[in-house]
Every structure is written in C-alpha cells, then in structure tokens.
Amino acid sequence: MFEVTCVLGNRIKLANDRYIHIILKHPELEGMEDEIKNTLIQADFIQRSVYDSQIFLYYKEFGKDQYFVVVVKVLNKRGFIITSYIADVIKKSEVIWKK
C-alpha cells in the first residue's frame, strides 16, 4: 500500500494484508490511509509497548478527546504496521518521543 519515513526516521510500511486486517476489525478506518500516514509523520507522541520493546504506539489527536493510534513493530530502522484504531484512552506506557 505505502511506505513512509516516520518522525523517528524509521521506514514504516503498510502492507495490503495489514490494511485489510485493520478495516475488517475497525471498519470506520476504511479510506483513512492518509490519517495513518499523517500519524506516523506528525505524531503528537510515541509510546513503547510494555509487552514488546520493538513495538511502538504512535498517537495523533483526532477530534475531541480522541486519538488516532498506529501500532508499529520496528527492527533495524524498518517497521511494519500491525494495526491502527481510534482511542479515547491513552495506554499507560513509556513515552519515548513527544512533539
């Protein structure tokens, strides 16, 4: 589908099969590829997963009290999107980067 360089300088890819997974699980995100890209490029803050140190959660404000979240696994400065969703709660985890 696409590949972009995120705010941390990592190359992040969204594969077709992951996009299909996202829209099947979160149908409200269908057609929101630009929001996914924008969240990676212009995140408000990024957290590291408490479960896997190679997984990062990119957050971008999205409406009132909501965030667009993109979950990415990164290895050697290259990453792939695992999922994306809209959240009204910020997970409790280490913030590794903030705008």
N, C-alpha and C. Protein backbone atom coordinates (compact mmCIF):
# COMPACT_ATOMS: atom_id res chain seq x y z
N MET A 1 0.83 -1.20 0.00
CA MET A 1 0.00 0.00 0.00
C MET A 1 0.87 1.25 0.00
N PHE A 2 1.67 1.44 1.09
CA PHE A 2 2.55 2.60 1.12
C PHE A 2 3.70 2.36 2.09
N GLU A 3 4.70 3.23 1.96
CA GLU A 3 5.83 3.26 2.88
C GLU A 3 6.19 4.71 3.11
N VAL A 4 6.41 5.08 4.39
CA VAL A 4 6.76 6.46 4.74
C VAL A 4 7.91 6.44 5.74
N THR A 5 8.55 7.59 5.90
CA THR A 5 9.54 7.77 6.96
C THR A 5 8.84 8.47 8.11
N CYS A 6 8.84 7.82 9.28
CA CYS A 6 8.14 8.36 10.43
C CYS A 6 8.97 9.46 11.11
N VAL A 7 8.39 10.08 12.10
CA VAL A 7 9.01 11.17 12.83
C VAL A 7 10.32 10.74 13.51
N LEU A 8 10.49 9.45 13.77
CA LEU A 8 11.73 8.93 14.37
C LEU A 8 12.79 8.58 13.34
N GLY A 9 12.45 8.71 12.05
CA GLY A 9 13.39 8.39 10.99
C GLY A 9 13.33 6.95 10.52
N ASN A 10 12.40 6.17 11.04
CA ASN A 10 12.24 4.78 10.61
C ASN A 10 11.39 4.71 9.35
N ARG A 11 11.69 3.75 8.47
CA ARG A 11 10.86 3.50 7.28
C ARG A 11 9.75 2.55 7.71
N ILE A 12 8.50 2.99 7.58
CA ILE A 12 7.36 2.20 8.02
C ILE A 12 6.50 1.85 6.82
N LYS A 13 6.11 0.56 6.76
CA LYS A 13 5.35 0.05 5.62
C LYS A 13 3.96 -0.41 6.08
N LEU A 14 2.96 -0.11 5.25
CA LEU A 14 1.63 -0.68 5.43
C LEU A 14 1.39 -1.62 4.26
N ALA A 15 1.33 -2.91 4.56
CA ALA A 15 1.08 -3.93 3.53
C ALA A 15 -0.42 -4.07 3.31
N ASN A 16 -0.79 -4.52 2.12
CA ASN A 16 -2.20 -4.71 1.78
C ASN A 16 -2.92 -5.62 2.77
N ASP A 17 -2.29 -6.74 3.16
CA ASP A 17 -2.96 -7.66 4.08
C ASP A 17 -3.18 -7.04 5.45
N ARG A 18 -2.28 -6.16 5.91
CA ARG A 18 -2.48 -5.49 7.20
C ARG A 18 -3.59 -4.45 7.09
N TYR A 19 -3.68 -3.78 5.95
CA TYR A 19 -4.76 -2.81 5.76
C TYR A 19 -6.11 -3.53 5.80
N ILE A 20 -6.19 -4.68 5.14
CA ILE A 20 -7.43 -5.46 5.16
C ILE A 20 -7.76 -5.87 6.60
N HIS A 21 -6.75 -6.31 7.36
CA HIS A 21 -6.95 -6.66 8.76
C HIS A 21 -7.51 -5.46 9.54
N ILE A 22 -6.93 -4.29 9.32
CA ILE A 22 -7.37 -3.08 10.03
C ILE A 22 -8.83 -2.77 9.73
N ILE A 23 -9.19 -2.75 8.46
CA ILE A 23 -10.57 -2.34 8.13
C ILE A 23 -11.60 -3.42 8.47
N LEU A 24 -11.18 -4.68 8.52
CA LEU A 24 -12.11 -5.72 8.97
C LEU A 24 -12.39 -5.59 10.47
N LYS A 25 -11.35 -5.24 11.22
CA LYS A 25 -11.51 -5.10 12.67
C LYS A 25 -12.06 -3.72 13.05
N HIS A 26 -11.70 -2.71 12.27
CA HIS A 26 -12.11 -1.32 12.55
C HIS A 26 -12.64 -0.70 11.25
N PRO A 27 -13.85 -1.07 10.83
CA PRO A 27 -14.37 -0.61 9.54
C PRO A 27 -14.47 0.90 9.41
N GLU A 28 -14.51 1.61 10.53
CA GLU A 28 -14.56 3.08 10.48
C GLU A 28 -13.28 3.68 9.92
N LEU A 29 -12.22 2.88 9.79
CA LEU A 29 -10.94 3.38 9.27
C LEU A 29 -10.78 3.16 7.76
N GLU A 30 -11.76 2.55 7.13
CA GLU A 30 -11.67 2.34 5.69
C GLU A 30 -11.53 3.68 4.98
N GLY A 31 -10.54 3.78 4.09
CA GLY A 31 -10.29 5.01 3.35
C GLY A 31 -9.49 6.04 4.12
N MET A 32 -8.96 5.68 5.29
CA MET A 32 -8.24 6.64 6.12
C MET A 32 -6.72 6.42 6.07
N GLU A 33 -6.23 6.00 4.91
CA GLU A 33 -4.79 5.79 4.76
C GLU A 33 -4.01 7.07 5.02
N ASP A 34 -4.54 8.22 4.61
CA ASP A 34 -3.84 9.48 4.83
C ASP A 34 -3.71 9.79 6.32
N GLU A 35 -4.71 9.44 7.12
CA GLU A 35 -4.63 9.66 8.56
C GLU A 35 -3.58 8.75 9.18
N ILE A 36 -3.47 7.53 8.67
CA ILE A 36 -2.43 6.61 9.15
C ILE A 36 -1.05 7.21 8.84
N LYS A 37 -0.85 7.64 7.61
CA LYS A 37 0.43 8.26 7.22
C LYS A 37 0.73 9.47 8.08
N ASN A 38 -0.26 10.35 8.24
CA ASN A 38 -0.08 11.58 9.00
C ASN A 38 0.29 11.29 10.45
N THR A 39 -0.31 10.27 11.02
CA THR A 39 0.01 9.90 12.41
C THR A 39 1.46 9.47 12.53
N LEU A 40 1.97 8.76 11.56
CA LEU A 40 3.37 8.34 11.59
C LEU A 40 4.33 9.50 11.37
N ILE A 41 3.98 10.40 10.47
CA ILE A 41 4.86 11.51 10.11
C ILE A 41 4.79 12.66 11.10
N GLN A 42 3.59 12.90 11.68
CA GLN A 42 3.39 14.05 12.55
C GLN A 42 2.76 13.64 13.88
N ALA A 43 3.23 12.57 14.48
CA ALA A 43 2.68 12.10 15.75
C ALA A 43 2.79 13.18 16.82
N ASP A 44 1.82 13.17 17.74
CA ASP A 44 1.90 14.05 18.91
C ASP A 44 2.84 13.46 19.95
N PHE A 45 2.79 12.13 20.09
CA PHE A 45 3.72 11.43 20.97
C PHE A 45 3.76 9.95 20.60
N ILE A 46 4.83 9.28 21.06
CA ILE A 46 5.04 7.87 20.75
C ILE A 46 5.37 7.15 22.04
N GLN A 47 4.73 5.99 22.22
CA GLN A 47 5.00 5.15 23.38
C GLN A 47 5.63 3.83 22.94
N ARG A 48 6.40 3.24 23.87
CA ARG A 48 6.92 1.89 23.65
C ARG A 48 5.98 0.91 24.34
N SER A 49 5.67 -0.19 23.71
CA SER A 49 4.80 -1.21 24.30
C SER A 49 5.41 -1.77 25.57
N VAL A 50 4.59 -2.05 26.56
CA VAL A 50 5.07 -2.69 27.78
C VAL A 50 5.29 -4.19 27.56
N TYR A 51 4.76 -4.73 26.48
CA TYR A 51 4.86 -6.16 26.20
C TYR A 51 5.99 -6.53 25.25
N ASP A 52 6.39 -5.59 24.38
CA ASP A 52 7.41 -5.88 23.38
C ASP A 52 8.16 -4.58 23.09
N SER A 53 9.45 -4.54 23.39
CA SER A 53 10.24 -3.31 23.25
C SER A 53 10.43 -2.87 21.80
N GLN A 54 10.05 -3.73 20.84
CA GLN A 54 10.17 -3.37 19.43
C GLN A 54 8.84 -2.86 18.85
N ILE A 55 7.83 -2.74 19.70
CA ILE A 55 6.52 -2.24 19.25
C ILE A 55 6.31 -0.85 19.80
N PHE A 56 5.90 0.05 18.88
CA PHE A 56 5.68 1.45 19.23
C PHE A 56 4.26 1.86 18.88
N LEU A 57 3.67 2.70 19.72
CA LEU A 57 2.33 3.22 19.50
C LEU A 57 2.44 4.70 19.20
N TYR A 58 2.06 5.09 17.99
CA TYR A 58 2.08 6.47 17.54
C TYR A 58 0.69 7.06 17.77
N TYR A 59 0.63 8.19 18.49
CA TYR A 59 -0.64 8.83 18.80
C TYR A 59 -0.72 10.20 18.13
N LYS A 60 -1.88 10.50 17.58
CA LYS A 60 -2.16 11.82 16.99
C LYS A 60 -3.57 12.20 17.42
N GLU A 61 -3.71 13.43 17.95
CA GLU A 61 -5.03 13.88 18.36
C GLU A 61 -5.99 13.79 17.18
N PHE A 62 -7.22 13.33 17.47
CA PHE A 62 -8.19 13.07 16.41
C PHE A 62 -9.57 13.41 16.96
N GLY A 63 -9.94 14.65 16.86
CA GLY A 63 -11.23 15.08 17.40
C GLY A 63 -11.14 15.31 18.90
N LYS A 64 -12.29 15.57 19.49
CA LYS A 64 -12.35 15.89 20.92
C LYS A 64 -12.12 14.63 21.76
N ASP A 65 -11.08 14.66 22.57
CA ASP A 65 -10.75 13.57 23.50
C ASP A 65 -10.56 12.22 22.81
N GLN A 66 -10.07 12.25 21.57
CA GLN A 66 -9.80 11.01 20.86
C GLN A 66 -8.42 11.08 20.20
N TYR A 67 -7.85 9.91 19.99
CA TYR A 67 -6.54 9.80 19.34
C TYR A 67 -6.61 8.77 18.23
N PHE A 68 -5.92 9.08 17.15
CA PHE A 68 -5.68 8.11 16.10
C PHE A 68 -4.41 7.39 16.52
N VAL A 69 -4.42 6.07 16.57
CA VAL A 69 -3.27 5.30 17.04
C VAL A 69 -2.82 4.36 15.93
N VAL A 70 -1.51 4.33 15.71
CA VAL A 70 -0.92 3.39 14.76
C VAL A 70 0.12 2.57 15.53
N VAL A 71 -0.02 1.25 15.49
CA VAL A 71 0.88 0.34 16.20
C VAL A 71 1.85 -0.26 15.20
N VAL A 72 3.15 -0.10 15.49
CA VAL A 72 4.20 -0.46 14.54
C VAL A 72 5.26 -1.33 15.22
N LYS A 73 5.71 -2.35 14.54
CA LYS A 73 6.86 -3.14 15.01
C LYS A 73 8.07 -2.69 14.19
N VAL A 74 9.17 -2.33 14.89
CA VAL A 74 10.36 -1.80 14.23
C VAL A 74 11.56 -2.69 14.53
N LEU A 75 12.27 -3.04 13.46
CA LEU A 75 13.52 -3.80 13.55
C LEU A 75 14.53 -3.12 12.63
N ASN A 76 15.67 -2.72 13.17
CA ASN A 76 16.74 -2.12 12.37
C ASN A 76 16.26 -0.94 11.51
N LYS A 77 15.53 -0.02 12.14
CA LYS A 77 15.07 1.22 11.48
C LYS A 77 14.04 0.98 10.38
N ARG A 78 13.52 -0.24 10.28
CA ARG A 78 12.44 -0.55 9.33
C ARG A 78 11.29 -1.13 10.13
N GLY A 79 10.09 -0.72 9.77
CA GLY A 79 8.95 -1.17 10.54
C GLY A 79 7.77 -1.53 9.67
N PHE A 80 6.83 -2.22 10.28
CA PHE A 80 5.58 -2.53 9.59
C PHE A 80 4.43 -2.29 10.55
N ILE A 81 3.33 -1.83 9.99
CA ILE A 81 2.15 -1.52 10.78
C ILE A 81 1.45 -2.82 11.15
N ILE A 82 1.17 -2.96 12.44
CA ILE A 82 0.43 -4.12 12.94
C ILE A 82 -1.06 -3.84 12.89
N THR A 83 -1.45 -2.67 13.41
CA THR A 83 -2.85 -2.29 13.41
C THR A 83 -2.97 -0.79 13.61
N SER A 84 -4.18 -0.30 13.53
CA SER A 84 -4.49 1.11 13.77
C SER A 84 -5.92 1.18 14.29
N TYR A 85 -6.20 2.18 15.11
CA TYR A 85 -7.54 2.33 15.68
C TYR A 85 -7.70 3.74 16.24
N ILE A 86 -8.92 4.08 16.59
CA ILE A 86 -9.22 5.35 17.25
C ILE A 86 -9.47 5.03 18.72
N ALA A 87 -8.81 5.78 19.61
CA ALA A 87 -8.92 5.51 21.05
C ALA A 87 -9.32 6.77 21.80
N ASP A 88 -10.01 6.56 22.91
CA ASP A 88 -10.32 7.68 23.79
C ASP A 88 -9.55 7.58 25.11
N VAL A 89 -8.71 6.54 25.22
CA VAL A 89 -7.88 6.33 26.39
C VAL A 89 -6.44 6.12 25.92
N ILE A 90 -5.50 6.76 26.61
CA ILE A 90 -4.08 6.58 26.32
C ILE A 90 -3.57 5.44 27.18
N LYS A 91 -2.91 4.48 26.57
CA LYS A 91 -2.37 3.35 27.32
C LYS A 91 -1.27 3.85 28.27
N LYS A 92 -1.11 3.16 29.39
CA LYS A 92 -0.06 3.50 30.34
C LYS A 92 1.22 2.80 29.90
N SER A 93 2.14 3.59 29.38
CA SER A 93 3.38 3.03 28.85
C SER A 93 4.40 4.17 28.77
N GLU A 94 5.66 3.80 28.57
CA GLU A 94 6.75 4.76 28.49
C GLU A 94 6.61 5.62 27.22
N VAL A 95 6.59 6.94 27.41
CA VAL A 95 6.60 7.86 26.27
C VAL A 95 8.06 8.02 25.85
N ILE A 96 8.36 7.67 24.61
CA ILE A 96 9.75 7.75 24.14
C ILE A 96 10.01 8.98 23.29
N TRP A 97 8.92 9.62 22.81
CA TRP A 97 9.07 10.82 21.98
C TRP A 97 7.80 11.66 22.13
N LYS A 98 7.99 12.97 22.21
CA LYS A 98 6.84 13.87 22.31
C LYS A 98 7.13 15.11 21.48
N LYS A 99 6.11 15.59 20.81
CA LYS A 99 6.21 16.77 19.95
C LYS A 99 6.59 17.98 20.77
